[in-house]
Amino acid sequence: MPQKNMASIKNEAQYEALRKKGMNKEKAARIANTPDSGKKGGKSEEYEKRTKKSLYELARKLNIKGRSSMTKKELIKALRDS
Protein backbone atom coordinates (compact mmCIF):
# COMPACT_ATOMS: atom_id res chain seq x y z
CA MET A 1 0.00 0.00 0.00
CA PRO A 2 1.37 3.46 -0.82
CA GLN A 3 2.65 5.54 2.05
CA LYS A 4 0.51 8.43 3.24
CA ASN A 5 3.03 11.03 2.04
CA MET A 6 2.92 9.70 -1.54
CA ALA A 7 0.58 11.13 -4.16
CA SER A 8 -2.63 9.17 -4.47
CA ILE A 9 -2.73 6.11 -6.69
CA LYS A 10 -5.66 6.05 -9.13
CA ASN A 11 -5.74 2.27 -9.51
CA GLU A 12 -4.54 0.79 -6.22
CA ALA A 13 -5.30 -2.82 -7.21
CA GLN A 14 -3.10 -2.50 -10.28
CA TYR A 15 -0.38 -0.77 -8.24
CA GLU A 16 -0.34 -3.60 -5.69
CA ALA A 17 -0.28 -6.26 -8.43
CA LEU A 18 2.69 -4.58 -10.11
CA ARG A 19 4.54 -4.28 -6.79
CA LYS A 20 3.96 -8.00 -6.13
CA LYS A 21 5.50 -8.76 -9.53
CA GLY A 22 8.64 -6.96 -8.35
CA MET A 23 8.22 -3.57 -10.01
CA ASN A 24 9.66 -0.60 -8.14
CA LYS A 25 7.27 1.86 -6.47
CA GLU A 26 7.82 4.71 -8.92
CA LYS A 27 7.19 2.69 -12.07
CA ALA A 28 4.19 0.88 -10.55
CA ALA A 29 2.68 4.24 -9.55
CA ARG A 30 3.25 5.73 -13.02
CA ILE A 31 1.50 2.79 -14.67
CA ALA A 32 -1.37 2.73 -12.16
CA ASN A 33 -1.91 6.48 -12.68
CA THR A 34 -2.08 6.49 -16.47
CA PRO A 35 -5.48 7.39 -17.97
CA ASP A 36 -5.97 3.86 -19.36
CA SER A 37 -4.79 2.11 -16.21
CA GLY A 38 -8.03 0.28 -15.52
CA LYS A 39 -8.62 -0.97 -19.04
CA LYS A 40 -7.91 -4.61 -19.79
CA GLY A 41 -7.96 -6.83 -22.80
CA GLY A 42 -6.29 -4.43 -25.20
CA LYS A 43 -9.04 -1.83 -24.86
CA SER A 44 -6.65 1.08 -24.43
CA GLU A 45 -5.72 2.88 -27.62
CA GLU A 46 -2.57 1.58 -29.31
CA TYR A 47 0.39 3.95 -29.29
CA GLU A 48 0.64 3.74 -33.08
CA LYS A 49 -2.90 5.12 -33.42
CA ARG A 50 -2.22 8.10 -31.16
CA THR A 51 -0.89 11.44 -32.34
CA LYS A 52 2.70 12.44 -31.71
CA LYS A 53 1.40 15.26 -29.53
CA SER A 54 -0.57 12.87 -27.27
CA LEU A 55 2.46 10.56 -27.02
CA TYR A 56 4.63 13.53 -26.12
CA GLU A 57 2.19 14.59 -23.38
CA LEU A 58 2.19 11.08 -21.93
CA ALA A 59 6.00 11.04 -22.04
CA ARG A 60 6.00 14.42 -20.27
CA LYS A 61 3.74 13.05 -17.51
CA LEU A 62 6.10 10.09 -17.12
CA ASN A 63 9.12 12.44 -17.08
CA ILE A 64 10.86 10.71 -19.97
CA LYS A 65 14.10 12.53 -20.70
CA GLY A 66 14.90 13.71 -24.23
CA ARG A 67 11.27 13.56 -25.36
CA SER A 68 11.33 16.94 -27.10
CA SER A 69 13.71 15.73 -29.80
CA MET A 70 12.12 12.28 -30.27
CA THR A 71 10.21 11.13 -33.32
CA LYS A 72 6.85 9.41 -32.90
CA LYS A 73 8.55 6.02 -33.25
CA GLU A 74 11.13 6.95 -30.60
CA LEU A 75 8.40 8.19 -28.24
CA ILE A 76 6.57 4.88 -28.59
CA LYS A 77 9.74 2.94 -27.79
CA ALA A 78 10.51 5.15 -24.80
CA LEU A 79 6.98 4.77 -23.44
CA ARG A 80 7.09 1.01 -23.82
CA ASP A 81 10.49 0.84 -22.13
CA SER A 82 9.49 3.05 -19.20
Foldseek 3Di string as FASTA:
>chain_A
DDDPPDDDFQAVVQLVVVVVVPDDNLVSSLLRRDPCNVDDDPPDDDLVPDDLVVLLVSCVSSVPPPSVPDDSVRSNVSVVVD
